[in-house]
Amino acid sequence: MVKAVALLRRKPGLSLEEFRRHYEEVHAPLAKRLFPFMRKYMRNYVTAAPFSPAGQEPRFDCITEEWFDDMEAVRTMMDIYASETGRPIREDEKALFDMAKLEYFFVEEVTLK
């Protein structure tokens, strides 16, 4: 299993409510339609950042987790994303996210036993 994590900040001018509604009603369904082989797609909306300086907003609005069977599935997702078929999700990302602050990486989960 391969897990990817994205740290996402909403595009300036979007309220948190607009961001979340658009993500859940437009972006996430689009991702599931384009990438039906994604095993799990979780959005974690930041509700508080207790260690941030007082009055400072969290650096990210959502932490997204994506699970794939293997790196071949990830390559398939990347190929679709880069193709003409993936154009709608790329355009939607530009309308939804502050692309300059987006961070995307692969992680290894370690569970305390």
PDB file of N, CA and C in Angstrom:
ATOM      1  N   MET A   1       0.850  -1.174   0.000  1.00  0.00           N
ATOM      2  CA  MET A   1       0.000   0.000   0.000  1.00  0.00           C
ATOM      3  C   MET A   1       0.896   1.237   0.000  1.00  0.00           C
ATOM      4  N   VAL A   2       0.474   2.251  -0.745  1.00  0.00           N
ATOM      5  CA  VAL A   2       1.192   3.518  -0.841  1.00  0.00           C
ATOM      6  C   VAL A   2       0.252   4.612  -0.352  1.00  0.00           C
ATOM      7  N   LYS A   3       0.774   5.503   0.483  1.00  0.00           N
ATOM      8  CA  LYS A   3      -0.040   6.598   1.003  1.00  0.00           C
ATOM      9  C   LYS A   3       0.601   7.924   0.620  1.00  0.00           C
ATOM     10  N   ALA A   4      -0.229   8.833   0.127  1.00  0.00           N
ATOM     11  CA  ALA A   4       0.208  10.193  -0.187  1.00  0.00           C
ATOM     12  C   ALA A   4      -0.556  11.152   0.722  1.00  0.00           C
ATOM     13  N   VAL A   5       0.114  12.238   1.084  1.00  0.00           N
ATOM     14  CA  VAL A   5      -0.480  13.262   1.934  1.00  0.00           C
ATOM     15  C   VAL A   5      -0.302  14.610   1.250  1.00  0.00           C
ATOM     16  N   ALA A   6      -1.346  15.418   1.281  1.00  0.00           N
ATOM     17  CA  ALA A   6      -1.267  16.779   0.744  1.00  0.00           C
ATOM     18  C   ALA A   6      -1.655  17.764   1.844  1.00  0.00           C
ATOM     19  N   LEU A   7      -0.859  18.811   1.992  1.00  0.00           N
ATOM     20  CA  LEU A   7      -1.166  19.913   2.896  1.00  0.00           C
ATOM     21  C   LEU A   7      -1.704  21.037   2.029  1.00  0.00           C
ATOM     22  N   LEU A   8      -2.939  21.458   2.297  1.00  0.00           N
ATOM     23  CA  LEU A   8      -3.641  22.351   1.394  1.00  0.00           C
ATOM     24  C   LEU A   8      -4.102  23.623   2.091  1.00  0.00           C
ATOM     25  N   ARG A   9      -3.895  24.726   1.424  1.00  0.00           N
ATOM     26  CA  ARG A   9      -4.379  26.037   1.876  1.00  0.00           C
ATOM     27  C   ARG A   9      -5.387  26.527   0.849  1.00  0.00           C
ATOM     28  N   ARG A  10      -6.485  27.072   1.316  1.00  0.00           N
ATOM     29  CA  ARG A  10      -7.510  27.557   0.397  1.00  0.00           C
ATOM     30  C   ARG A  10      -7.001  28.775  -0.372  1.00  0.00           C
ATOM     31  N   LYS A  11      -7.568  28.972  -1.543  1.00  0.00           N
ATOM     32  CA  LYS A  11      -7.220  30.120  -2.370  1.00  0.00           C
ATOM     33  C   LYS A  11      -7.659  31.399  -1.650  1.00  0.00           C
ATOM     34  N   PRO A  12      -6.821  32.440  -1.678  1.00  0.00           N
ATOM     35  CA  PRO A  12      -7.231  33.697  -1.049  1.00  0.00           C
ATOM     36  C   PRO A  12      -8.586  34.152  -1.583  1.00  0.00           C
ATOM     37  N   GLY A  13      -9.408  34.655  -0.684  1.00  0.00           N
ATOM     38  CA  GLY A  13     -10.738  35.127  -1.065  1.00  0.00           C
ATOM     39  C   GLY A  13     -11.839  34.125  -0.783  1.00  0.00           C
ATOM     40  N   LEU A  14     -11.479  32.844  -0.573  1.00  0.00           N
ATOM     41  CA  LEU A  14     -12.478  31.822  -0.235  1.00  0.00           C
ATOM     42  C   LEU A  14     -12.622  31.737   1.281  1.00  0.00           C
ATOM     43  N   SER A  15     -13.845  31.734   1.752  1.00  0.00           N
ATOM     44  CA  SER A  15     -14.063  31.508   3.183  1.00  0.00           C
ATOM     45  C   SER A  15     -13.828  30.023   3.465  1.00  0.00           C
ATOM     46  N   LEU A  16     -13.669  29.712   4.739  1.00  0.00           N
ATOM     47  CA  LEU A  16     -13.508  28.299   5.107  1.00  0.00           C
ATOM     48  C   LEU A  16     -14.730  27.490   4.697  1.00  0.00           C
ATOM     49  N   GLU A  17     -15.909  28.073   4.851  1.00  0.00           N
ATOM     50  CA  GLU A  17     -17.142  27.379   4.496  1.00  0.00           C
ATOM     51  C   GLU A  17     -17.224  27.129   2.995  1.00  0.00           C
ATOM     52  N   GLU A  18     -16.880  28.142   2.195  1.00  0.00           N
ATOM     53  CA  GLU A  18     -16.880  27.979   0.736  1.00  0.00           C
ATOM     54  C   GLU A  18     -15.863  26.925   0.315  1.00  0.00           C
ATOM     55  N   PHE A  19     -14.686  26.975   0.928  1.00  0.00           N
ATOM     56  CA  PHE A  19     -13.625  26.017   0.619  1.00  0.00           C
ATOM     57  C   PHE A  19     -14.095  24.590   0.889  1.00  0.00           C
ATOM     58  N   ARG A  20     -14.604  24.368   2.076  1.00  0.00           N
ATOM     59  CA  ARG A  20     -15.028  23.019   2.450  1.00  0.00           C
ATOM     60  C   ARG A  20     -16.179  22.521   1.577  1.00  0.00           C
ATOM     61  N   ARG A  21     -17.165  23.374   1.350  1.00  0.00           N
ATOM     62  CA  ARG A  21     -18.308  22.980   0.522  1.00  0.00           C
ATOM     63  C   ARG A  21     -17.837  22.610  -0.893  1.00  0.00           C
ATOM     64  N   HIS A  22     -16.980  23.441  -1.484  1.00  0.00           N
ATOM     65  CA  HIS A  22     -16.501  23.164  -2.836  1.00  0.00           C
ATOM     66  C   HIS A  22     -15.680  21.875  -2.857  1.00  0.00           C
ATOM     67  N   TYR A  23     -14.829  21.708  -1.859  1.00  0.00           N
ATOM     68  CA  TYR A  23     -13.990  20.509  -1.811  1.00  0.00           C
ATOM     69  C   TYR A  23     -14.866  19.255  -1.746  1.00  0.00           C
ATOM     70  N   GLU A  24     -15.859  19.253  -0.879  1.00  0.00           N
ATOM     71  CA  GLU A  24     -16.697  18.069  -0.680  1.00  0.00           C
ATOM     72  C   GLU A  24     -17.704  17.844  -1.804  1.00  0.00           C
ATOM     73  N   GLU A  25     -18.249  18.922  -2.370  1.00  0.00           N
ATOM     74  CA  GLU A  25     -19.311  18.769  -3.359  1.00  0.00           C
ATOM     75  C   GLU A  25     -18.807  18.740  -4.802  1.00  0.00           C
ATOM     76  N   VAL A  26     -17.621  19.280  -5.048  1.00  0.00           N
ATOM     77  CA  VAL A  26     -17.104  19.353  -6.419  1.00  0.00           C
ATOM     78  C   VAL A  26     -15.792  18.593  -6.559  1.00  0.00           C
ATOM     79  N   HIS A  27     -14.780  18.998  -5.798  1.00  0.00           N
ATOM     80  CA  HIS A  27     -13.434  18.467  -6.017  1.00  0.00           C
ATOM     81  C   HIS A  27     -13.295  16.984  -5.655  1.00  0.00           C
ATOM     82  N   ALA A  28     -13.725  16.604  -4.470  1.00  0.00           N
ATOM     83  CA  ALA A  28     -13.585  15.200  -4.055  1.00  0.00           C
ATOM     84  C   ALA A  28     -14.363  14.254  -4.975  1.00  0.00           C
ATOM     85  N   PRO A  29     -15.614  14.563  -5.346  1.00  0.00           N
ATOM     86  CA  PRO A  29     -16.314  13.681  -6.294  1.00  0.00           C
ATOM     87  C   PRO A  29     -15.612  13.603  -7.657  1.00  0.00           C
ATOM     88  N   LEU A  30     -15.029  14.707  -8.094  1.00  0.00           N
ATOM     89  CA  LEU A  30     -14.280  14.696  -9.353  1.00  0.00           C
ATOM     90  C   LEU A  30     -13.067  13.778  -9.242  1.00  0.00           C
ATOM     91  N   ALA A  31     -12.349  13.863  -8.129  1.00  0.00           N
ATOM     92  CA  ALA A  31     -11.180  12.996  -7.920  1.00  0.00           C
ATOM     93  C   ALA A  31     -11.588  11.522  -7.893  1.00  0.00           C
ATOM     94  N   LYS A  32     -12.671  11.213  -7.200  1.00  0.00           N
ATOM     95  CA  LYS A  32     -13.124   9.812  -7.144  1.00  0.00           C
ATOM     96  C   LYS A  32     -13.542   9.306  -8.518  1.00  0.00           C
ATOM     97  N   ARG A  33     -14.135  10.187  -9.336  1.00  0.00           N
ATOM     98  CA  ARG A  33     -14.547   9.774 -10.680  1.00  0.00           C
ATOM     99  C   ARG A  33     -13.326   9.548 -11.578  1.00  0.00           C
ATOM    100  N   LEU A  34     -12.331  10.427 -11.487  1.00  0.00           N
ATOM    101  CA  LEU A  34     -11.138  10.297 -12.331  1.00  0.00           C
ATOM    102  C   LEU A  34     -10.208   9.180 -11.863  1.00  0.00           C
ATOM    103  N   PHE A  35     -10.184   8.937 -10.562  1.00  0.00           N
ATOM    104  CA  PHE A  35      -9.252   7.959  -9.979  1.00  0.00           C
ATOM    105  C   PHE A  35     -10.017   6.913  -9.162  1.00  0.00           C
ATOM    106  N   PRO A  36     -10.872   6.109  -9.807  1.00  0.00           N
ATOM    107  CA  PRO A  36     -11.710   5.157  -9.065  1.00  0.00           C
ATOM    108  C   PRO A  36     -10.900   4.064  -8.363  1.00  0.00           C
ATOM    109  N   PHE A  37      -9.650   3.909  -8.745  1.00  0.00           N
ATOM    110  CA  PHE A  37      -8.783   2.885  -8.155  1.00  0.00           C
ATOM    111  C   PHE A  37      -8.130   3.365  -6.855  1.00  0.00           C
ATOM    112  N   MET A  38      -8.344   4.632  -6.481  1.00  0.00           N
ATOM    113  CA  MET A  38      -7.819   5.127  -5.218  1.00  0.00           C
ATOM    114  C   MET A  38      -8.541   4.360  -4.108  1.00  0.00           C
ATOM    115  N   ARG A  39      -7.787   3.714  -3.232  1.00  0.00           N
ATOM    116  CA  ARG A  39      -8.377   2.857  -2.199  1.00  0.00           C
ATOM    117  C   ARG A  39      -9.114   3.638  -1.122  1.00  0.00           C
ATOM    118  N   LYS A  40      -8.550   4.787  -0.745  1.00  0.00           N
ATOM    119  CA  LYS A  40      -9.162   5.592   0.304  1.00  0.00           C
ATOM    120  C   LYS A  40      -8.761   7.047   0.052  1.00  0.00           C
ATOM    121  N   TYR A  41      -9.680   7.957   0.330  1.00  0.00           N
ATOM    122  CA  TYR A  41      -9.461   9.379   0.069  1.00  0.00           C
ATOM    123  C   TYR A  41     -10.066  10.149   1.239  1.00  0.00           C
ATOM    124  N   MET A  42      -9.220  10.591   2.154  1.00  0.00           N
ATOM    125  CA  MET A  42      -9.683  11.212   3.390  1.00  0.00           C
ATOM    126  C   MET A  42      -9.276  12.681   3.415  1.00  0.00           C
ATOM    127  N   ARG A  43     -10.234  13.536   3.800  1.00  0.00           N
ATOM    128  CA  ARG A  43      -9.957  14.947   3.990  1.00  0.00           C
ATOM    129  C   ARG A  43     -10.058  15.251   5.475  1.00  0.00           C
ATOM    130  N   ASN A  44      -9.024  15.874   6.017  1.00  0.00           N
ATOM    131  CA  ASN A  44      -8.963  16.252   7.427  1.00  0.00           C
ATOM    132  C   ASN A  44      -8.930  17.777   7.489  1.00  0.00           C
ATOM    133  N   TYR A  45     -10.045  18.392   7.864  1.00  0.00           N
ATOM    134  CA  TYR A  45     -10.119  19.846   7.910  1.00  0.00           C
ATOM    135  C   TYR A  45      -9.575  20.352   9.245  1.00  0.00           C
ATOM    136  N   VAL A  46      -8.658  21.286   9.182  1.00  0.00           N
ATOM    137  CA  VAL A  46      -8.030  21.837  10.381  1.00  0.00           C
ATOM    138  C   VAL A  46      -9.066  22.688  11.118  1.00  0.00           C
ATOM    139  N   THR A  47      -9.251  22.391  12.393  1.00  0.00           N
ATOM    140  CA  THR A  47     -10.218  23.139  13.198  1.00  0.00           C
ATOM    141  C   THR A  47      -9.535  24.030  14.235  1.00  0.00           C
ATOM    142  N   ALA A  48      -8.284  23.730  14.558  1.00  0.00           N
ATOM    143  CA  ALA A  48      -7.538  24.536  15.525  1.00  0.00           C
ATOM    144  C   ALA A  48      -6.055  24.258  15.351  1.00  0.00           C
ATOM    145  N   ALA A  49      -5.254  25.253  15.716  1.00  0.00           N
ATOM    146  CA  ALA A  49      -3.798  25.107  15.707  1.00  0.00           C
ATOM    147  C   ALA A  49      -3.286  25.695  17.021  1.00  0.00           C
ATOM    148  N   PRO A  50      -3.370  24.916  18.100  1.00  0.00           N
ATOM    149  CA  PRO A  50      -3.095  25.454  19.437  1.00  0.00           C
ATOM    150  C   PRO A  50      -1.664  25.941  19.653  1.00  0.00           C
ATOM    151  N   PHE A  51      -0.717  25.545  18.821  1.00  0.00           N
ATOM    152  CA  PHE A  51       0.665  25.970  19.024  1.00  0.00           C
ATOM    153  C   PHE A  51       1.081  27.104  18.088  1.00  0.00           C
ATOM    154  N   SER A  52       0.131  27.593  17.287  1.00  0.00           N
ATOM    155  CA  SER A  52       0.404  28.754  16.434  1.00  0.00           C
ATOM    156  C   SER A  52       0.388  30.006  17.297  1.00  0.00           C
ATOM    157  N   PRO A  53       1.147  31.024  16.907  1.00  0.00           N
ATOM    158  CA  PRO A  53       1.087  32.281  17.669  1.00  0.00           C
ATOM    159  C   PRO A  53      -0.344  32.802  17.737  1.00  0.00           C
ATOM    160  N   ALA A  54      -0.684  33.437  18.826  1.00  0.00           N
ATOM    161  CA  ALA A  54      -2.041  33.941  19.045  1.00  0.00           C
ATOM    162  C   ALA A  54      -2.505  34.789  17.871  1.00  0.00           C
ATOM    163  N   GLY A  55      -3.721  34.512  17.425  1.00  0.00           N
ATOM    164  CA  GLY A  55      -4.309  35.279  16.339  1.00  0.00           C
ATOM    165  C   GLY A  55      -3.864  34.859  14.948  1.00  0.00           C
ATOM    166  N   GLN A  56      -2.914  33.964  14.854  1.00  0.00           N
ATOM    167  CA  GLN A  56      -2.424  33.524  13.542  1.00  0.00           C
ATOM    168  C   GLN A  56      -3.235  32.322  13.063  1.00  0.00           C
ATOM    169  N   GLU A  57      -3.682  32.373  11.809  1.00  0.00           N
ATOM    170  CA  GLU A  57      -4.417  31.250  11.238  1.00  0.00           C
ATOM    171  C   GLU A  57      -3.472  30.067  11.028  1.00  0.00           C
ATOM    172  N   PRO A  58      -4.010  28.852  11.025  1.00  0.00           N
ATOM    173  CA  PRO A  58      -3.182  27.696  10.674  1.00  0.00           C
ATOM    174  C   PRO A  58      -2.607  27.867   9.273  1.00  0.00           C
ATOM    175  N   ARG A  59      -1.445  27.284   9.032  1.00  0.00           N
ATOM    176  CA  ARG A  59      -0.804  27.389   7.709  1.00  0.00           C
ATOM    177  C   ARG A  59      -1.567  26.626   6.642  1.00  0.00           C
ATOM    178  N   PHE A  60      -2.335  25.614   7.048  1.00  0.00           N
ATOM    179  CA  PHE A  60      -3.081  24.797   6.096  1.00  0.00           C
ATOM    180  C   PHE A  60      -4.520  24.668   6.562  1.00  0.00           C
ATOM    181  N   ASP A  61      -5.424  24.505   5.603  1.00  0.00           N
ATOM    182  CA  ASP A  61      -6.844  24.352   5.910  1.00  0.00           C
ATOM    183  C   ASP A  61      -7.291  22.897   5.879  1.00  0.00           C
ATOM    184  N   CYS A  62      -6.547  22.057   5.169  1.00  0.00           N
ATOM    185  CA  CYS A  62      -6.937  20.659   5.024  1.00  0.00           C
ATOM    186  C   CYS A  62      -5.696  19.802   4.818  1.00  0.00           C
ATOM    187  N   ILE A  63      -5.709  18.649   5.427  1.00  0.00           N
ATOM    188  CA  ILE A  63      -4.678  17.634   5.214  1.00  0.00           C
ATOM    189  C   ILE A  63      -5.384  16.455   4.559  1.00  0.00           C
ATOM    190  N   THR A  64      -5.003  16.187   3.329  1.00  0.00           N
ATOM    191  CA  THR A  64      -5.656  15.130   2.563  1.00  0.00           C
ATOM    192  C   THR A  64      -4.768  13.895   2.533  1.00  0.00           C
ATOM    193  N   GLU A  65      -5.387  12.724   2.685  1.00  0.00           N
ATOM    194  CA  GLU A  65      -4.678  11.451   2.618  1.00  0.00           C
ATOM    195  C   GLU A  65      -5.278  10.622   1.483  1.00  0.00           C
ATOM    196  N   GLU A  66      -4.402  10.016   0.695  1.00  0.00           N
ATOM    197  CA  GLU A  66      -4.811   9.171  -0.437  1.00  0.00           C
ATOM    198  C   GLU A  66      -4.062   7.852  -0.352  1.00  0.00           C
ATOM    199  N   TRP A  67      -4.788   6.747  -0.485  1.00  0.00           N
ATOM    200  CA  TRP A  67      -4.174   5.423  -0.447  1.00  0.00           C
ATOM    201  C   TRP A  67      -4.305   4.752  -1.815  1.00  0.00           C
ATOM    202  N   PHE A  68      -3.222   4.105  -2.233  1.00  0.00           N
ATOM    203  CA  PHE A  68      -3.166   3.374  -3.500  1.00  0.00           C
ATOM    204  C   PHE A  68      -2.600   1.985  -3.226  1.00  0.00           C
ATOM    205  N   ASP A  69      -2.958   1.022  -4.090  1.00  0.00           N
ATOM    206  CA  ASP A  69      -2.450  -0.347  -3.920  1.00  0.00           C
ATOM    207  C   ASP A  69      -0.936  -0.418  -4.035  1.00  0.00           C
ATOM    208  N   ASP A  70      -0.385   0.330  -4.997  1.00  0.00           N
ATOM    209  CA  ASP A  70       1.050   0.249  -5.271  1.00  0.00           C
ATOM    210  C   ASP A  70       1.480   1.459  -6.092  1.00  0.00           C
ATOM    211  N   MET A  71       2.759   1.551  -6.391  1.00  0.00           N
ATOM    212  CA  MET A  71       3.285   2.685  -7.158  1.00  0.00           C
ATOM    213  C   MET A  71       2.763   2.681  -8.589  1.00  0.00           C
ATOM    214  N   GLU A  72       2.399   1.537  -9.119  1.00  0.00           N
ATOM    215  CA  GLU A  72       1.799   1.495 -10.464  1.00  0.00           C
ATOM    216  C   GLU A  72       0.477   2.269 -10.477  1.00  0.00           C
ATOM    217  N   ALA A  73      -0.305   2.116  -9.427  1.00  0.00           N
ATOM    218  CA  ALA A  73      -1.561   2.867  -9.325  1.00  0.00           C
ATOM    219  C   ALA A  73      -1.285   4.367  -9.203  1.00  0.00           C
ATOM    220  N   VAL A  74      -0.232   4.719  -8.483  1.00  0.00           N
ATOM    221  CA  VAL A  74       0.156   6.131  -8.370  1.00  0.00           C
ATOM    222  C   VAL A  74       0.557   6.669  -9.740  1.00  0.00           C
ATOM    223  N   ARG A  75       1.342   5.896 -10.490  1.00  0.00           N
ATOM    224  CA  ARG A  75       1.751   6.318 -11.846  1.00  0.00           C
ATOM    225  C   ARG A  75       0.536   6.491 -12.752  1.00  0.00           C
ATOM    226  N   THR A  76      -0.426   5.592 -12.635  1.00  0.00           N
ATOM    227  CA  THR A  76      -1.658   5.714 -13.417  1.00  0.00           C
ATOM    228  C   THR A  76      -2.379   7.005 -13.059  1.00  0.00           C
ATOM    229  N   MET A  77      -2.480   7.290 -11.754  1.00  0.00           N
ATOM    230  CA  MET A  77      -3.113   8.532 -11.312  1.00  0.00           C
ATOM    231  C   MET A  77      -2.376   9.742 -11.877  1.00  0.00           C
ATOM    232  N   MET A  78      -1.063   9.744 -11.814  1.00  0.00           N
ATOM    233  CA  MET A  78      -0.269  10.870 -12.325  1.00  0.00           C
ATOM    234  C   MET A  78      -0.430  11.029 -13.837  1.00  0.00           C
ATOM    235  N   ASP A  79      -0.494   9.912 -14.557  1.00  0.00           N
ATOM    236  CA  ASP A  79      -0.690   9.974 -16.015  1.00  0.00           C
ATOM    237  C   ASP A  79      -2.053  10.583 -16.353  1.00  0.00           C
ATOM    238  N   ILE A  80      -3.084  10.147 -15.647  1.00  0.00           N
ATOM    239  CA  ILE A  80      -4.425  10.699 -15.872  1.00  0.00           C
ATOM    240  C   ILE A  80      -4.428  12.178 -15.517  1.00  0.00           C
ATOM    241  N   TYR A  81      -3.843  12.520 -14.384  1.00  0.00           N
ATOM    242  CA  TYR A  81      -3.792  13.907 -13.922  1.00  0.00           C
ATOM    243  C   TYR A  81      -3.136  14.817 -14.968  1.00  0.00           C
ATOM    244  N   ALA A  82      -2.066  14.351 -15.592  1.00  0.00           N
ATOM    245  CA  ALA A  82      -1.317  15.158 -16.564  1.00  0.00           C
ATOM    246  C   ALA A  82      -1.960  15.195 -17.944  1.00  0.00           C
ATOM    247  N   SER A  83      -2.920  14.313 -18.195  1.00  0.00           N
ATOM    248  CA  SER A  83      -3.530  14.198 -19.519  1.00  0.00           C
ATOM    249  C   SER A  83      -4.670  15.190 -19.697  1.00  0.00           C
ATOM    250  N   GLU A  84      -5.232  15.200 -20.903  1.00  0.00           N
ATOM    251  CA  GLU A  84      -6.408  16.027 -21.176  1.00  0.00           C
ATOM    252  C   GLU A  84      -7.577  15.604 -20.290  1.00  0.00           C
ATOM    253  N   THR A  85      -7.681  14.328 -19.978  1.00  0.00           N
ATOM    254  CA  THR A  85      -8.736  13.827 -19.091  1.00  0.00           C
ATOM    255  C   THR A  85      -8.628  14.467 -17.711  1.00  0.00           C
ATOM    256  N   GLY A  86      -7.416  14.751 -17.259  1.00  0.00           N
ATOM    257  CA  GLY A  86      -7.187  15.342 -15.944  1.00  0.00           C
ATOM    258  C   GLY A  86      -7.316  16.851 -15.900  1.00  0.00           C
ATOM    259  N   ARG A  87      -7.516  17.485 -17.047  1.00  0.00           N
ATOM    260  CA  ARG A  87      -7.599  18.945 -17.089  1.00  0.00           C
ATOM    261  C   ARG A  87      -8.646  19.506 -16.128  1.00  0.00           C
ATOM    262  N   PRO A  88      -9.859  18.926 -16.033  1.00  0.00           N
ATOM    263  CA  PRO A  88     -10.851  19.494 -15.102  1.00  0.00           C
ATOM    264  C   PRO A  88     -10.382  19.537 -13.651  1.00  0.00           C
ATOM    265  N   ILE A  89      -9.670  18.521 -13.191  1.00  0.00           N
ATOM    266  CA  ILE A  89      -9.230  18.541 -11.793  1.00  0.00           C
ATOM    267  C   ILE A  89      -8.084  19.520 -11.601  1.00  0.00           C
ATOM    268  N   ARG A  90      -7.217  19.656 -12.592  1.00  0.00           N
ATOM    269  CA  ARG A  90      -6.144  20.655 -12.497  1.00  0.00           C
ATOM    270  C   ARG A  90      -6.730  22.063 -12.439  1.00  0.00           C
ATOM    271  N   GLU A  91      -7.732  22.334 -13.260  1.00  0.00           N
ATOM    272  CA  GLU A  91      -8.365  23.648 -13.258  1.00  0.00           C
ATOM    273  C   GLU A  91      -9.111  23.901 -11.949  1.00  0.00           C
ATOM    274  N   ASP A  92      -9.761  22.864 -11.433  1.00  0.00           N
ATOM    275  CA  ASP A  92     -10.477  23.017 -10.180  1.00  0.00           C
ATOM    276  C   ASP A  92      -9.507  23.295  -9.033  1.00  0.00           C
ATOM    277  N   GLU A  93      -8.350  22.663  -9.047  1.00  0.00           N
ATOM    278  CA  GLU A  93      -7.350  22.915  -8.010  1.00  0.00           C
ATOM    279  C   GLU A  93      -6.927  24.378  -8.010  1.00  0.00           C
ATOM    280  N   LYS A  94      -6.760  24.954  -9.185  1.00  0.00           N
ATOM    281  CA  LYS A  94      -6.351  26.359  -9.272  1.00  0.00           C
ATOM    282  C   LYS A  94      -7.431  27.283  -8.714  1.00  0.00           C
ATOM    283  N   ALA A  95      -8.696  26.889  -8.814  1.00  0.00           N
ATOM    284  CA  ALA A  95      -9.799  27.692  -8.290  1.00  0.00           C
ATOM    285  C   ALA A  95      -9.983  27.492  -6.785  1.00  0.00           C
ATOM    286  N   LEU A  96      -9.501  26.375  -6.257  1.00  0.00           N
ATOM    287  CA  LEU A  96      -9.755  25.991  -4.867  1.00  0.00           C
ATOM    288  C   LEU A  96      -8.572  26.206  -3.937  1.00  0.00           C
ATOM    289  N   PHE A  97      -7.372  25.864  -4.400  1.00  0.00           N
ATOM    290  CA  PHE A  97      -6.184  25.863  -3.538  1.00  0.00           C
ATOM    291  C   PHE A  97      -5.229  27.004  -3.850  1.00  0.00           C
ATOM    292  N   ASP A  98      -4.493  27.423  -2.833  1.00  0.00           N
ATOM    293  CA  ASP A  98      -3.362  28.325  -3.032  1.00  0.00           C
ATOM    294  C   ASP A  98      -2.215  27.419  -3.486  1.00  0.00           C
ATOM    295  N   MET A  99      -2.030  27.328  -4.790  1.00  0.00           N
ATOM    296  CA  MET A  99      -1.096  26.346  -5.367  1.00  0.00           C
ATOM    297  C   MET A  99       0.349  26.605  -4.931  1.00  0.00           C
ATOM    298  N   ALA A 100       0.693  27.832  -4.581  1.00  0.00           N
ATOM    299  CA  ALA A 100       2.054  28.145  -4.128  1.00  0.00           C
ATOM    300  C   ALA A 100       2.342  27.530  -2.758  1.00  0.00           C
ATOM    301  N   LYS A 101       1.294  27.208  -2.002  1.00  0.00           N
ATOM    302  CA  LYS A 101       1.480  26.648  -0.657  1.00  0.00           C
ATOM    303  C   LYS A 101       1.184  25.162  -0.585  1.00  0.00           C
ATOM    304  N   LEU A 102       0.749  24.566  -1.685  1.00  0.00           N
ATOM    305  CA  LEU A 102       0.416  23.146  -1.705  1.00  0.00           C
ATOM    306  C   LEU A 102       1.676  22.301  -1.513  1.00  0.00           C
ATOM    307  N   GLU A 103       1.576  21.317  -0.638  1.00  0.00           N
ATOM    308  CA  GLU A 103       2.671  20.356  -0.431  1.00  0.00           C
ATOM    309  C   GLU A 103       2.089  18.950  -0.596  1.00  0.00           C
ATOM    310  N   TYR A 104       2.772  18.109  -1.369  1.00  0.00           N
ATOM    311  CA  TYR A 104       2.295  16.753  -1.662  1.00  0.00           C
ATOM    312  C   TYR A 104       3.478  15.809  -1.528  1.00  0.00           C
ATOM    313  N   PHE A 105       3.308  14.745  -0.769  1.00  0.00           N
ATOM    314  CA  PHE A 105       4.414  13.818  -0.569  1.00  0.00           C
ATOM    315  C   PHE A 105       3.901  12.440  -0.205  1.00  0.00           C
ATOM    316  N   PHE A 106       4.769  11.460  -0.310  1.00  0.00           N
ATOM    317  CA  PHE A 106       4.462  10.089   0.073  1.00  0.00           C
ATOM    318  C   PHE A 106       4.990   9.853   1.475  1.00  0.00           C
ATOM    319  N   VAL A 107       4.246   9.058   2.243  1.00  0.00           N
ATOM    320  CA  VAL A 107       4.611   8.818   3.634  1.00  0.00           C
ATOM    321  C   VAL A 107       4.605   7.332   3.945  1.00  0.00           C
ATOM    322  N   GLU A 108       5.275   6.988   5.018  1.00  0.00           N
ATOM    323  CA  GLU A 108       5.240   5.635   5.555  1.00  0.00           C
ATOM    324  C   GLU A 108       4.538   5.714   6.906  1.00  0.00           C
ATOM    325  N   GLU A 109       3.437   5.007   7.023  1.00  0.00           N
ATOM    326  CA  GLU A 109       2.698   4.989   8.283  1.00  0.00           C
ATOM    327  C   GLU A 109       3.393   4.050   9.268  1.00  0.00           C
ATOM    328  N   VAL A 110       3.524   4.489  10.501  1.00  0.00           N
ATOM    329  CA  VAL A 110       4.059   3.652  11.578  1.00  0.00           C
ATOM    330  C   VAL A 110       3.076   3.738  12.729  1.00  0.00           C
ATOM    331  N   THR A 111       2.562   2.611  13.160  1.00  0.00           N
ATOM    332  CA  THR A 111       1.564   2.568  14.213  1.00  0.00           C
ATOM    333  C   THR A 111       2.207   2.073  15.509  1.00  0.00           C
ATOM    334  N   LEU A 112       1.943   2.754  16.595  1.00  0.00           N
ATOM    335  CA  LEU A 112       2.422   2.320  17.897  1.00  0.00           C
ATOM    336  C   LEU A 112       1.644   1.084  18.315  1.00  0.00           C
ATOM    337  N   LYS A 113       2.364   0.033  18.659  1.00  0.00           N
ATOM    338  CA  LYS A 113       1.709  -1.229  19.042  1.00  0.00           C
ATOM    339  C   LYS A 113       1.613  -1.371  20.534  1.00  0.00           C
TER     340      LYS A 113
END
